[in-house]
Amino acid sequence: MNVLIACEFSGIVRDAFDRRGHLAVSCDLLPSEQLGIHYQGDVRDILDCGWDLMIAHPPCTYLSNAGIRWFNEEKYGEKARERKAQRIKAFDFVMDLANANISKIVIENPVGWLNSHWRKPEQIIQPWQFGVKESKRTCLWIKGLPKLNYTRIVSPQIYGYFKRGKKKGQPIYGTQYCKSSEDRGKIRSRTFQGIADVMAEQWGKL
């Protein structure tokens, strides 16, 4: 099967499919962190290259609910208006991916703008449903494929507890615990190996 992994610089999902004998290609504006077939550039340049399956991880900076407070124009003025313009561009990019002439498409993103302004996802998964002891709620918009079957449910690791604010007393999981740094966005965007393996195992058989 010819598989395109869009918006992936880590090579994690690409390599999971490659190990199972598929022709898997990743694409991102950044270079690949791992050796493998990688197109560095705009994925829209190669959407019509005869793919059987595309799994896309479009950037969620302007689409996720995590930064919803920054869209308040009364409080942040021009910065908020610019952020809203970037959100529309991000949404249009997702629609370009969703409307690609590929029979099997999966688009991955956290809960956010896509849920309320496009449609509800076919599935919402957690790493701990696939043997990975982490919590990261992820939406999957799926075309031409079945939902993923859970493989092994485990308890997610707790890194601490919130000490103040509305979440006081609630557990802190890995993606929330990740401290601010230049690489924070890259770290949070990587697909967990357990989920990549399940995608390749279950969807690669079809």
N, C-alpha and C. Protein backbone atom coordinates (compact mmCIF):
# COMPACT_ATOMS: atom_id res chain seq x y z
N MET A 1 0.84 -1.19 0.00
CA MET A 1 0.00 0.00 0.00
C MET A 1 0.89 1.25 0.00
N ASN A 2 0.50 2.26 -0.74
CA ASN A 2 1.22 3.53 -0.77
C ASN A 2 0.62 4.46 0.29
N VAL A 3 1.41 4.79 1.28
CA VAL A 3 0.90 5.52 2.45
C VAL A 3 1.62 6.85 2.60
N LEU A 4 0.84 7.91 2.71
CA LEU A 4 1.37 9.25 2.94
C LEU A 4 1.08 9.66 4.38
N ILE A 5 2.12 10.02 5.11
CA ILE A 5 1.94 10.53 6.47
C ILE A 5 2.21 12.03 6.40
N ALA A 6 1.13 12.80 6.39
CA ALA A 6 1.23 14.24 6.20
C ALA A 6 1.51 14.96 7.51
N CYS A 7 2.34 15.98 7.42
CA CYS A 7 2.68 16.83 8.58
C CYS A 7 3.34 16.01 9.68
N GLU A 8 4.29 15.18 9.29
CA GLU A 8 5.05 14.39 10.26
C GLU A 8 6.55 14.56 10.01
N PHE A 9 7.26 15.08 11.01
CA PHE A 9 8.71 15.22 10.93
C PHE A 9 9.42 14.13 11.72
N SER A 10 8.69 13.45 12.62
CA SER A 10 9.34 12.47 13.50
C SER A 10 9.61 11.14 12.79
N GLY A 11 8.81 10.81 11.80
CA GLY A 11 8.96 9.53 11.10
C GLY A 11 8.38 8.34 11.86
N ILE A 12 7.70 8.59 12.97
CA ILE A 12 7.23 7.49 13.82
C ILE A 12 6.15 6.67 13.13
N VAL A 13 5.13 7.34 12.59
CA VAL A 13 4.05 6.62 11.91
C VAL A 13 4.54 6.06 10.59
N ARG A 14 5.31 6.86 9.86
CA ARG A 14 5.88 6.39 8.59
C ARG A 14 6.65 5.09 8.78
N ASP A 15 7.52 5.05 9.77
CA ASP A 15 8.36 3.88 9.97
C ASP A 15 7.56 2.66 10.43
N ALA A 16 6.45 2.91 11.16
CA ALA A 16 5.60 1.79 11.59
C ALA A 16 4.99 1.09 10.37
N PHE A 17 4.57 1.86 9.37
CA PHE A 17 4.03 1.27 8.14
C PHE A 17 5.16 0.65 7.31
N ASP A 18 6.29 1.31 7.27
CA ASP A 18 7.43 0.79 6.51
C ASP A 18 7.85 -0.59 7.02
N ARG A 19 7.86 -0.77 8.34
CA ARG A 19 8.26 -2.06 8.91
C ARG A 19 7.31 -3.18 8.53
N ARG A 20 6.10 -2.82 8.12
CA ARG A 20 5.12 -3.83 7.72
C ARG A 20 5.03 -3.97 6.21
N GLY A 21 6.02 -3.46 5.51
CA GLY A 21 6.14 -3.70 4.07
C GLY A 21 5.45 -2.72 3.16
N HIS A 22 4.94 -1.63 3.69
CA HIS A 22 4.26 -0.63 2.85
C HIS A 22 5.26 0.41 2.35
N LEU A 23 4.92 1.05 1.25
CA LEU A 23 5.70 2.19 0.77
C LEU A 23 5.17 3.42 1.51
N ALA A 24 5.84 3.82 2.53
CA ALA A 24 5.38 4.91 3.39
C ALA A 24 6.28 6.13 3.22
N VAL A 25 5.66 7.28 3.03
CA VAL A 25 6.38 8.54 2.84
C VAL A 25 5.83 9.56 3.83
N SER A 26 6.72 10.21 4.55
CA SER A 26 6.30 11.31 5.43
C SER A 26 6.53 12.63 4.72
N CYS A 27 5.84 13.67 5.18
CA CYS A 27 5.97 14.98 4.57
C CYS A 27 5.80 16.05 5.64
N ASP A 28 6.66 17.04 5.62
CA ASP A 28 6.55 18.15 6.55
C ASP A 28 7.43 19.29 6.06
N LEU A 29 7.19 20.49 6.57
CA LEU A 29 8.05 21.61 6.25
C LEU A 29 9.42 21.45 6.89
N LEU A 30 9.49 20.64 7.96
CA LEU A 30 10.74 20.34 8.64
C LEU A 30 11.36 19.07 8.07
N PRO A 31 12.66 18.91 8.20
CA PRO A 31 13.28 17.65 7.78
C PRO A 31 12.89 16.51 8.71
N SER A 32 13.02 15.30 8.25
CA SER A 32 12.69 14.13 9.07
C SER A 32 13.76 13.92 10.14
N GLU A 33 13.30 13.54 11.32
CA GLU A 33 14.25 13.25 12.41
C GLU A 33 14.89 11.88 12.25
N GLN A 34 14.28 11.02 11.45
CA GLN A 34 14.79 9.67 11.25
C GLN A 34 15.01 9.42 9.76
N LEU A 35 15.93 8.53 9.44
CA LEU A 35 16.14 8.15 8.05
C LEU A 35 14.87 7.50 7.51
N GLY A 36 14.53 7.81 6.30
CA GLY A 36 13.33 7.26 5.66
C GLY A 36 12.91 8.17 4.52
N ILE A 37 11.92 7.73 3.76
CA ILE A 37 11.46 8.52 2.62
C ILE A 37 10.67 9.71 3.14
N HIS A 38 11.13 10.91 2.84
CA HIS A 38 10.53 12.12 3.39
C HIS A 38 10.54 13.22 2.35
N TYR A 39 9.39 13.85 2.17
CA TYR A 39 9.29 15.01 1.29
C TYR A 39 9.24 16.26 2.16
N GLN A 40 10.25 17.11 2.07
CA GLN A 40 10.26 18.34 2.85
C GLN A 40 9.66 19.46 2.02
N GLY A 41 8.46 19.86 2.39
CA GLY A 41 7.76 20.88 1.65
C GLY A 41 6.28 20.83 1.96
N ASP A 42 5.49 21.53 1.17
CA ASP A 42 4.04 21.59 1.35
C ASP A 42 3.41 20.29 0.87
N VAL A 43 2.69 19.61 1.74
CA VAL A 43 2.11 18.32 1.40
C VAL A 43 1.13 18.43 0.23
N ARG A 44 0.56 19.59 0.02
CA ARG A 44 -0.39 19.75 -1.08
C ARG A 44 0.28 19.58 -2.44
N ASP A 45 1.61 19.67 -2.46
CA ASP A 45 2.35 19.45 -3.71
C ASP A 45 2.28 17.99 -4.16
N ILE A 46 2.05 17.07 -3.23
CA ILE A 46 2.14 15.65 -3.57
C ILE A 46 0.85 14.88 -3.26
N LEU A 47 -0.26 15.58 -3.07
CA LEU A 47 -1.51 14.89 -2.73
C LEU A 47 -2.02 14.02 -3.87
N ASP A 48 -1.68 14.35 -5.10
CA ASP A 48 -2.20 13.61 -6.25
C ASP A 48 -1.20 12.60 -6.81
N CYS A 49 -0.42 11.99 -5.93
CA CYS A 49 0.62 11.05 -6.39
C CYS A 49 0.23 9.59 -6.20
N GLY A 50 -1.06 9.30 -6.18
CA GLY A 50 -1.50 7.91 -6.17
C GLY A 50 -1.44 7.22 -4.82
N TRP A 51 -1.78 7.92 -3.77
CA TRP A 51 -1.77 7.32 -2.44
C TRP A 51 -3.00 6.47 -2.18
N ASP A 52 -2.82 5.36 -1.48
CA ASP A 52 -3.95 4.53 -1.05
C ASP A 52 -4.49 4.98 0.30
N LEU A 53 -3.62 5.55 1.11
CA LEU A 53 -3.99 5.97 2.47
C LEU A 53 -3.18 7.20 2.85
N MET A 54 -3.86 8.16 3.46
CA MET A 54 -3.16 9.32 4.04
C MET A 54 -3.56 9.45 5.50
N ILE A 55 -2.57 9.53 6.37
CA ILE A 55 -2.79 9.87 7.77
C ILE A 55 -2.15 11.24 7.99
N ALA A 56 -2.96 12.23 8.36
CA ALA A 56 -2.49 13.61 8.43
C ALA A 56 -2.54 14.13 9.86
N HIS A 57 -1.50 14.86 10.23
CA HIS A 57 -1.39 15.46 11.56
C HIS A 57 -1.24 16.98 11.41
N PRO A 58 -2.26 17.67 10.89
CA PRO A 58 -2.12 19.11 10.65
C PRO A 58 -1.84 19.88 11.94
N PRO A 59 -1.05 20.95 11.87
CA PRO A 59 -0.72 21.73 13.07
C PRO A 59 -1.98 22.19 13.81
N CYS A 60 -1.93 22.08 15.14
CA CYS A 60 -3.12 22.39 15.94
C CYS A 60 -2.99 23.70 16.71
N THR A 61 -1.92 24.47 16.45
CA THR A 61 -1.66 25.69 17.22
C THR A 61 -2.88 26.61 17.26
N TYR A 62 -3.54 26.79 16.13
CA TYR A 62 -4.68 27.70 16.05
C TYR A 62 -6.02 26.98 16.07
N LEU A 63 -6.01 25.65 16.15
CA LEU A 63 -7.24 24.87 16.09
C LEU A 63 -7.63 24.26 17.42
N SER A 64 -6.67 24.07 18.30
CA SER A 64 -6.92 23.41 19.58
C SER A 64 -7.63 24.33 20.56
N ASN A 65 -8.43 23.74 21.44
CA ASN A 65 -9.07 24.52 22.50
C ASN A 65 -8.07 24.96 23.57
N ALA A 66 -6.87 24.39 23.55
CA ALA A 66 -5.89 24.70 24.59
C ALA A 66 -5.56 26.19 24.64
N GLY A 67 -5.57 26.87 23.49
CA GLY A 67 -5.24 28.29 23.47
C GLY A 67 -6.42 29.19 23.19
N ILE A 68 -7.61 28.72 23.53
CA ILE A 68 -8.83 29.44 23.18
C ILE A 68 -8.87 30.85 23.77
N ARG A 69 -8.23 31.05 24.94
CA ARG A 69 -8.29 32.35 25.59
C ARG A 69 -7.61 33.45 24.78
N TRP A 70 -6.66 33.06 23.93
CA TRP A 70 -5.90 34.05 23.15
C TRP A 70 -6.71 34.62 21.99
N PHE A 71 -7.93 34.13 21.77
CA PHE A 71 -8.78 34.65 20.70
C PHE A 71 -9.70 35.78 21.18
N ASN A 72 -9.57 36.20 22.41
CA ASN A 72 -10.41 37.24 23.00
C ASN A 72 -9.95 38.61 22.49
N GLU A 73 -10.73 39.21 21.56
CA GLU A 73 -10.34 40.48 20.96
C GLU A 73 -10.40 41.63 21.96
N GLU A 74 -11.36 41.60 22.89
CA GLU A 74 -11.47 42.67 23.87
C GLU A 74 -10.21 42.75 24.74
N LYS A 75 -9.61 41.60 24.99
CA LYS A 75 -8.44 41.57 25.87
C LYS A 75 -7.13 41.68 25.10
N TYR A 76 -7.06 41.05 23.92
CA TYR A 76 -5.78 40.97 23.22
C TYR A 76 -5.75 41.72 21.90
N GLY A 77 -6.87 42.33 21.52
CA GLY A 77 -6.91 43.23 20.37
C GLY A 77 -6.40 42.64 19.08
N GLU A 78 -5.42 43.34 18.47
CA GLU A 78 -4.91 42.96 17.15
C GLU A 78 -4.29 41.57 17.16
N LYS A 79 -3.64 41.20 18.25
CA LYS A 79 -3.06 39.87 18.34
C LYS A 79 -4.14 38.79 18.22
N ALA A 80 -5.28 39.03 18.85
CA ALA A 80 -6.39 38.08 18.76
C ALA A 80 -6.95 38.01 17.35
N ARG A 81 -7.06 39.17 16.70
CA ARG A 81 -7.58 39.20 15.33
C ARG A 81 -6.63 38.48 14.37
N GLU A 82 -5.34 38.65 14.59
CA GLU A 82 -4.36 37.95 13.77
C GLU A 82 -4.44 36.44 14.01
N ARG A 83 -4.64 36.08 15.25
CA ARG A 83 -4.76 34.66 15.59
C ARG A 83 -6.00 34.05 14.93
N LYS A 84 -7.08 34.80 14.88
CA LYS A 84 -8.30 34.31 14.22
C LYS A 84 -8.07 34.13 12.73
N ALA A 85 -7.31 35.05 12.12
CA ALA A 85 -6.99 34.91 10.70
C ALA A 85 -6.14 33.66 10.46
N GLN A 86 -5.20 33.39 11.36
CA GLN A 86 -4.38 32.19 11.24
C GLN A 86 -5.22 30.93 11.43
N ARG A 87 -6.24 31.01 12.27
CA ARG A 87 -7.11 29.85 12.48
C ARG A 87 -7.88 29.51 11.20
N ILE A 88 -8.34 30.53 10.49
CA ILE A 88 -9.05 30.29 9.23
C ILE A 88 -8.10 29.64 8.21
N LYS A 89 -6.86 30.09 8.16
CA LYS A 89 -5.88 29.50 7.25
C LYS A 89 -5.61 28.04 7.62
N ALA A 90 -5.52 27.78 8.91
CA ALA A 90 -5.28 26.41 9.38
C ALA A 90 -6.46 25.52 9.03
N PHE A 91 -7.67 26.05 9.18
CA PHE A 91 -8.88 25.28 8.85
C PHE A 91 -8.93 24.98 7.36
N ASP A 92 -8.62 25.97 6.53
CA ASP A 92 -8.63 25.76 5.08
C ASP A 92 -7.62 24.69 4.67
N PHE A 93 -6.48 24.67 5.35
CA PHE A 93 -5.46 23.64 5.08
C PHE A 93 -6.01 22.25 5.40
N VAL A 94 -6.69 22.12 6.53
CA VAL A 94 -7.30 20.83 6.88
C VAL A 94 -8.32 20.41 5.83
N MET A 95 -9.11 21.35 5.33
CA MET A 95 -10.10 21.02 4.31
C MET A 95 -9.43 20.56 3.01
N ASP A 96 -8.27 21.15 2.69
CA ASP A 96 -7.54 20.69 1.51
C ASP A 96 -7.12 19.22 1.67
N LEU A 97 -6.73 18.86 2.88
CA LEU A 97 -6.35 17.47 3.14
C LEU A 97 -7.58 16.56 3.11
N ALA A 98 -8.65 17.00 3.76
CA ALA A 98 -9.85 16.17 3.84
C ALA A 98 -10.48 15.92 2.48
N ASN A 99 -10.34 16.87 1.56
CA ASN A 99 -10.97 16.75 0.24
C ASN A 99 -10.02 16.19 -0.82
N ALA A 100 -8.86 15.71 -0.39
CA ALA A 100 -7.91 15.13 -1.34
C ALA A 100 -8.50 13.89 -2.00
N ASN A 101 -8.06 13.60 -3.22
CA ASN A 101 -8.56 12.44 -3.97
C ASN A 101 -7.83 11.17 -3.53
N ILE A 102 -8.07 10.80 -2.28
CA ILE A 102 -7.47 9.61 -1.68
C ILE A 102 -8.61 8.84 -1.00
N SER A 103 -8.70 7.55 -1.25
CA SER A 103 -9.86 6.79 -0.79
C SER A 103 -9.90 6.59 0.72
N LYS A 104 -8.74 6.53 1.35
CA LYS A 104 -8.68 6.32 2.80
C LYS A 104 -7.91 7.48 3.43
N ILE A 105 -8.58 8.23 4.29
CA ILE A 105 -7.98 9.41 4.91
C ILE A 105 -8.26 9.41 6.40
N VAL A 106 -7.24 9.72 7.17
CA VAL A 106 -7.39 9.94 8.62
C VAL A 106 -6.77 11.29 8.95
N ILE A 107 -7.52 12.14 9.62
CA ILE A 107 -7.00 13.43 10.07
C ILE A 107 -7.03 13.43 11.59
N GLU A 108 -5.89 13.76 12.18
CA GLU A 108 -5.73 13.71 13.64
C GLU A 108 -5.55 15.12 14.18
N ASN A 109 -6.26 15.43 15.28
CA ASN A 109 -6.15 16.73 15.92
C ASN A 109 -6.78 16.65 17.31
N PRO A 110 -6.38 17.54 18.22
CA PRO A 110 -7.06 17.57 19.51
C PRO A 110 -8.45 18.18 19.39
N VAL A 111 -9.21 18.09 20.46
CA VAL A 111 -10.54 18.70 20.49
C VAL A 111 -10.40 20.21 20.29
N GLY A 112 -11.23 20.77 19.40
CA GLY A 112 -11.12 22.20 19.16
C GLY A 112 -12.03 22.69 18.05
N TRP A 113 -11.48 23.57 17.24
CA TRP A 113 -12.24 24.25 16.18
C TRP A 113 -12.85 23.28 15.18
N LEU A 114 -12.15 22.22 14.87
CA LEU A 114 -12.66 21.25 13.89
C LEU A 114 -13.95 20.60 14.39
N ASN A 115 -14.02 20.32 15.69
CA ASN A 115 -15.21 19.67 16.24
C ASN A 115 -16.45 20.53 16.09
N SER A 116 -16.29 21.84 16.28
CA SER A 116 -17.45 22.74 16.28
C SER A 116 -17.72 23.39 14.94
N HIS A 117 -16.72 23.50 14.06
CA HIS A 117 -16.91 24.21 12.80
C HIS A 117 -16.74 23.32 11.57
N TRP A 118 -16.47 22.06 11.77
CA TRP A 118 -16.46 21.10 10.66
C TRP A 118 -17.45 20.00 10.98
N ARG A 119 -17.06 19.00 11.73
CA ARG A 119 -17.97 17.95 12.16
C ARG A 119 -17.34 17.19 13.32
N LYS A 120 -18.15 16.37 13.96
CA LYS A 120 -17.65 15.56 15.06
C LYS A 120 -16.74 14.47 14.50
N PRO A 121 -15.69 14.10 15.22
CA PRO A 121 -14.80 13.04 14.74
C PRO A 121 -15.46 11.67 14.81
N GLU A 122 -14.97 10.75 14.00
CA GLU A 122 -15.47 9.38 14.05
C GLU A 122 -15.02 8.67 15.33
N GLN A 123 -13.88 9.08 15.87
CA GLN A 123 -13.34 8.39 17.05
C GLN A 123 -12.46 9.35 17.85
N ILE A 124 -12.50 9.20 19.16
CA ILE A 124 -11.58 9.92 20.05
C ILE A 124 -10.82 8.86 20.83
N ILE A 125 -9.49 8.90 20.74
CA ILE A 125 -8.68 7.86 21.36
C ILE A 125 -7.76 8.44 22.43
N GLN A 126 -7.26 7.56 23.29
CA GLN A 126 -6.28 7.89 24.30
C GLN A 126 -5.12 6.89 24.20
N PRO A 127 -3.89 7.33 24.42
CA PRO A 127 -2.76 6.39 24.39
C PRO A 127 -2.94 5.22 25.34
N TRP A 128 -3.56 5.48 26.52
CA TRP A 128 -3.69 4.41 27.51
C TRP A 128 -4.67 3.31 27.07
N GLN A 129 -5.37 3.51 25.97
CA GLN A 129 -6.22 2.46 25.41
C GLN A 129 -5.42 1.49 24.54
N PHE A 130 -4.13 1.82 24.33
CA PHE A 130 -3.28 1.02 23.45
C PHE A 130 -1.97 0.65 24.15
N GLY A 131 -2.02 0.52 25.47
CA GLY A 131 -0.86 0.07 26.23
C GLY A 131 0.18 1.12 26.53
N VAL A 132 -0.10 2.39 26.22
CA VAL A 132 0.84 3.48 26.48
C VAL A 132 0.37 4.23 27.73
N LYS A 133 1.20 4.31 28.73
CA LYS A 133 0.79 4.90 30.01
C LYS A 133 0.84 6.43 29.99
N GLU A 134 0.12 7.01 29.05
CA GLU A 134 0.03 8.46 28.92
C GLU A 134 -1.41 8.85 28.60
N SER A 135 -1.73 10.11 28.86
CA SER A 135 -3.07 10.64 28.56
C SER A 135 -2.94 11.78 27.57
N LYS A 136 -3.58 11.64 26.43
CA LYS A 136 -3.60 12.68 25.41
C LYS A 136 -4.80 12.43 24.51
N ARG A 137 -5.90 13.11 24.80
CA ARG A 137 -7.14 12.89 24.05
C ARG A 137 -6.96 13.38 22.61
N THR A 138 -7.18 12.47 21.67
CA THR A 138 -6.92 12.75 20.26
C THR A 138 -8.13 12.37 19.42
N CYS A 139 -8.56 13.32 18.58
CA CYS A 139 -9.71 13.08 17.69
C CYS A 139 -9.22 12.54 16.35
N LEU A 140 -9.99 11.62 15.79
CA LEU A 140 -9.69 11.07 14.48
C LEU A 140 -10.90 11.26 13.57
N TRP A 141 -10.71 11.99 12.48
CA TRP A 141 -11.73 12.09 11.44
C TRP A 141 -11.34 11.08 10.37
N ILE A 142 -12.20 10.10 10.15
CA ILE A 142 -11.83 8.91 9.39
C ILE A 142 -12.70 8.77 8.14
N LYS A 143 -12.06 8.52 7.01
CA LYS A 143 -12.76 8.25 5.76
C LYS A 143 -12.26 6.95 5.17
N GLY A 144 -13.19 6.02 4.90
CA GLY A 144 -12.85 4.78 4.20
C GLY A 144 -12.15 3.73 5.04
N LEU A 145 -12.13 3.90 6.37
CA LEU A 145 -11.47 2.96 7.27
C LEU A 145 -12.33 2.72 8.50
N PRO A 146 -12.16 1.59 9.17
CA PRO A 146 -12.87 1.36 10.43
C PRO A 146 -12.19 2.10 11.57
N LYS A 147 -12.88 2.20 12.68
CA LYS A 147 -12.27 2.75 13.88
C LYS A 147 -11.18 1.81 14.37
N LEU A 148 -10.23 2.34 15.10
CA LEU A 148 -9.20 1.51 15.71
C LEU A 148 -9.78 0.70 16.85
N ASN A 149 -9.39 -0.55 16.96
CA ASN A 149 -9.78 -1.39 18.08
C ASN A 149 -8.77 -1.22 19.21
N TYR A 150 -9.27 -1.00 20.41
CA TYR A 150 -8.38 -0.86 21.56
C TYR A 150 -7.64 -2.18 21.77
N THR A 151 -6.40 -2.10 22.15
CA THR A 151 -5.57 -3.30 22.29
C THR A 151 -5.29 -3.68 23.74
N ARG A 152 -4.92 -2.69 24.57
CA ARG A 152 -4.62 -2.99 25.98
C ARG A 152 -4.82 -1.71 26.80
N ILE A 153 -5.81 -1.74 27.66
CA ILE A 153 -6.11 -0.56 28.48
C ILE A 153 -5.27 -0.59 29.75
N VAL A 154 -4.55 0.52 30.00
CA VAL A 154 -3.71 0.66 31.18
C VAL A 154 -4.04 1.98 31.87
N SER A 155 -3.50 2.16 33.05
CA SER A 155 -3.71 3.41 33.78
C SER A 155 -2.65 4.43 33.35
N PRO A 156 -3.06 5.65 32.98
CA PRO A 156 -2.07 6.65 32.57
C PRO A 156 -1.24 7.14 33.74
N GLN A 157 -0.01 7.48 33.46
CA GLN A 157 0.89 7.97 34.50
C GLN A 157 0.49 9.38 34.92
N ILE A 158 0.49 9.63 36.22
CA ILE A 158 0.20 10.95 36.77
C ILE A 158 1.53 11.58 37.20
N TYR A 159 1.79 12.79 36.71
CA TYR A 159 3.06 13.46 36.98
C TYR A 159 2.98 14.44 38.15
N GLY A 160 1.79 14.68 38.65
CA GLY A 160 1.60 15.61 39.75
C GLY A 160 0.14 16.03 39.81
N TYR A 161 -0.12 17.06 40.61
CA TYR A 161 -1.49 17.56 40.75
C TYR A 161 -1.47 19.09 40.71
N PHE A 162 -2.51 19.66 40.08
CA PHE A 162 -2.60 21.11 40.02
C PHE A 162 -2.78 21.68 41.43
N LYS A 163 -2.02 22.73 41.74
CA LYS A 163 -2.04 23.30 43.08
C LYS A 163 -2.91 24.53 43.21
N ARG A 164 -3.37 25.08 42.07
CA ARG A 164 -4.20 26.28 42.13
C ARG A 164 -5.09 26.36 40.90
N GLY A 165 -5.99 27.33 40.89
CA GLY A 165 -6.86 27.54 39.75
C GLY A 165 -8.03 26.59 39.69
N LYS A 166 -8.75 26.62 38.57
CA LYS A 166 -9.95 25.80 38.40
C LYS A 166 -9.64 24.30 38.45
N LYS A 167 -8.42 23.93 38.10
CA LYS A 167 -8.04 22.51 38.07
C LYS A 167 -7.39 22.04 39.36
N LYS A 168 -7.42 22.84 40.40
CA LYS A 168 -6.75 22.49 41.66
C LYS A 168 -7.17 21.10 42.13
N GLY A 169 -6.17 20.27 42.43
CA GLY A 169 -6.42 18.92 42.90
C GLY A 169 -6.53 17.88 41.80
N GLN A 170 -6.68 18.32 40.54
CA GLN A 170 -6.78 17.38 39.43
C GLN A 170 -5.39 16.89 39.01
N PRO A 171 -5.31 15.67 38.48
CA PRO A 171 -4.01 15.12 38.08
C PRO A 171 -3.41 15.84 36.87
N ILE A 172 -2.09 15.86 36.82
CA ILE A 172 -1.35 16.41 35.68
C ILE A 172 -0.76 15.24 34.91
N TYR A 173 -1.07 15.17 33.61
CA TYR A 173 -0.55 14.10 32.78
C TYR A 173 0.63 14.62 31.94
N GLY A 174 1.25 13.74 31.21
CA GLY A 174 2.49 14.04 30.52
C GLY A 174 2.44 15.24 29.60
N THR A 175 1.40 15.34 28.75
CA THR A 175 1.34 16.44 27.80
C THR A 175 1.12 17.77 28.50
N GLN A 176 0.52 17.76 29.67
CA GLN A 176 0.34 18.99 30.44
C GLN A 176 1.60 19.33 31.23
N TYR A 177 2.34 18.32 31.61
CA TYR A 177 3.53 18.48 32.43
C TYR A 177 4.71 19.03 31.63
N CYS A 178 4.67 18.83 30.32
CA CYS A 178 5.76 19.25 29.45
C CYS A 178 6.02 20.75 29.61
N LYS A 179 7.22 21.11 30.02
CA LYS A 179 7.55 22.50 30.31
C LYS A 179 7.78 23.30 29.03
N SER A 180 7.59 24.61 29.13
CA SER A 180 7.78 25.49 27.99
C SER A 180 9.23 25.48 27.54
N SER A 181 9.42 25.35 26.23
CA SER A 181 10.74 25.39 25.62
C SER A 181 10.57 25.51 24.12
N GLU A 182 11.69 25.70 23.42
CA GLU A 182 11.62 25.80 21.96
C GLU A 182 11.08 24.52 21.34
N ASP A 183 11.31 23.38 21.99
CA ASP A 183 10.90 22.09 21.44
C ASP A 183 9.56 21.60 21.98
N ARG A 184 8.89 22.39 22.81
CA ARG A 184 7.66 21.93 23.46
C ARG A 184 6.61 21.50 22.42
N GLY A 185 6.43 22.33 21.38
CA GLY A 185 5.45 22.00 20.36
C GLY A 185 5.80 20.72 19.63
N LYS A 186 7.08 20.51 19.34
CA LYS A 186 7.51 19.31 18.65
C LYS A 186 7.30 18.07 19.52
N ILE A 187 7.62 18.21 20.81
CA ILE A 187 7.46 17.08 21.72
C ILE A 187 5.98 16.68 21.83
N ARG A 188 5.11 17.66 21.95
CA ARG A 188 3.69 17.39 22.13
C ARG A 188 3.04 16.85 20.85
N SER A 189 3.64 17.14 19.70
CA SER A 189 3.03 16.74 18.44
C SER A 189 3.40 15.32 18.01
N ARG A 190 4.41 14.73 18.63
CA ARG A 190 4.84 13.40 18.22
C ARG A 190 3.79 12.34 18.56
N THR A 191 3.57 11.42 17.64
CA THR A 191 2.65 10.31 17.87
C THR A 191 3.33 9.28 18.77
N PHE A 192 2.59 8.77 19.75
CA PHE A 192 3.14 7.72 20.61
C PHE A 192 3.37 6.46 19.77
N GLN A 193 4.48 5.77 20.05
CA GLN A 193 4.86 4.60 19.27
C GLN A 193 3.76 3.54 19.29
N GLY A 194 3.13 3.34 20.44
CA GLY A 194 2.09 2.33 20.55
C GLY A 194 0.92 2.59 19.62
N ILE A 195 0.54 3.86 19.46
CA ILE A 195 -0.56 4.21 18.57
C ILE A 195 -0.13 4.06 17.12
N ALA A 196 1.09 4.47 16.79
CA ALA A 196 1.59 4.31 15.42
C ALA A 196 1.59 2.84 15.02
N ASP A 197 2.02 1.97 15.92
CA ASP A 197 2.06 0.53 15.63
C ASP A 197 0.66 -0.03 15.40
N VAL A 198 -0.30 0.42 16.18
CA VAL A 198 -1.68 -0.05 16.03
C VAL A 198 -2.26 0.43 14.71
N MET A 199 -1.99 1.67 14.33
CA MET A 199 -2.46 2.18 13.03
C MET A 199 -1.92 1.32 11.90
N ALA A 200 -0.63 1.04 11.94
CA ALA A 200 0.00 0.26 10.87
C ALA A 200 -0.52 -1.18 10.87
N GLU A 201 -0.72 -1.74 12.04
CA GLU A 201 -1.17 -3.12 12.15
C GLU A 201 -2.61 -3.28 11.69
N GLN A 202 -3.49 -2.41 12.17
CA GLN A 202 -4.91 -2.56 11.87
C GLN A 202 -5.30 -1.98 10.52
N TRP A 203 -4.86 -0.78 10.21
CA TRP A 203 -5.23 -0.18 8.93
C TRP A 203 -4.35 -0.70 7.79
N GLY A 204 -3.16 -1.15 8.10
CA GLY A 204 -2.28 -1.68 7.06
C GLY A 204 -2.74 -3.01 6.49
N LYS A 205 -3.65 -3.68 7.18
CA LYS A 205 -4.15 -4.97 6.69
C LYS A 205 -5.25 -4.81 5.66
N LEU A 206 -5.81 -3.62 5.53
CA LEU A 206 -7.01 -3.45 4.71
C LEU A 206 -6.64 -3.20 3.25
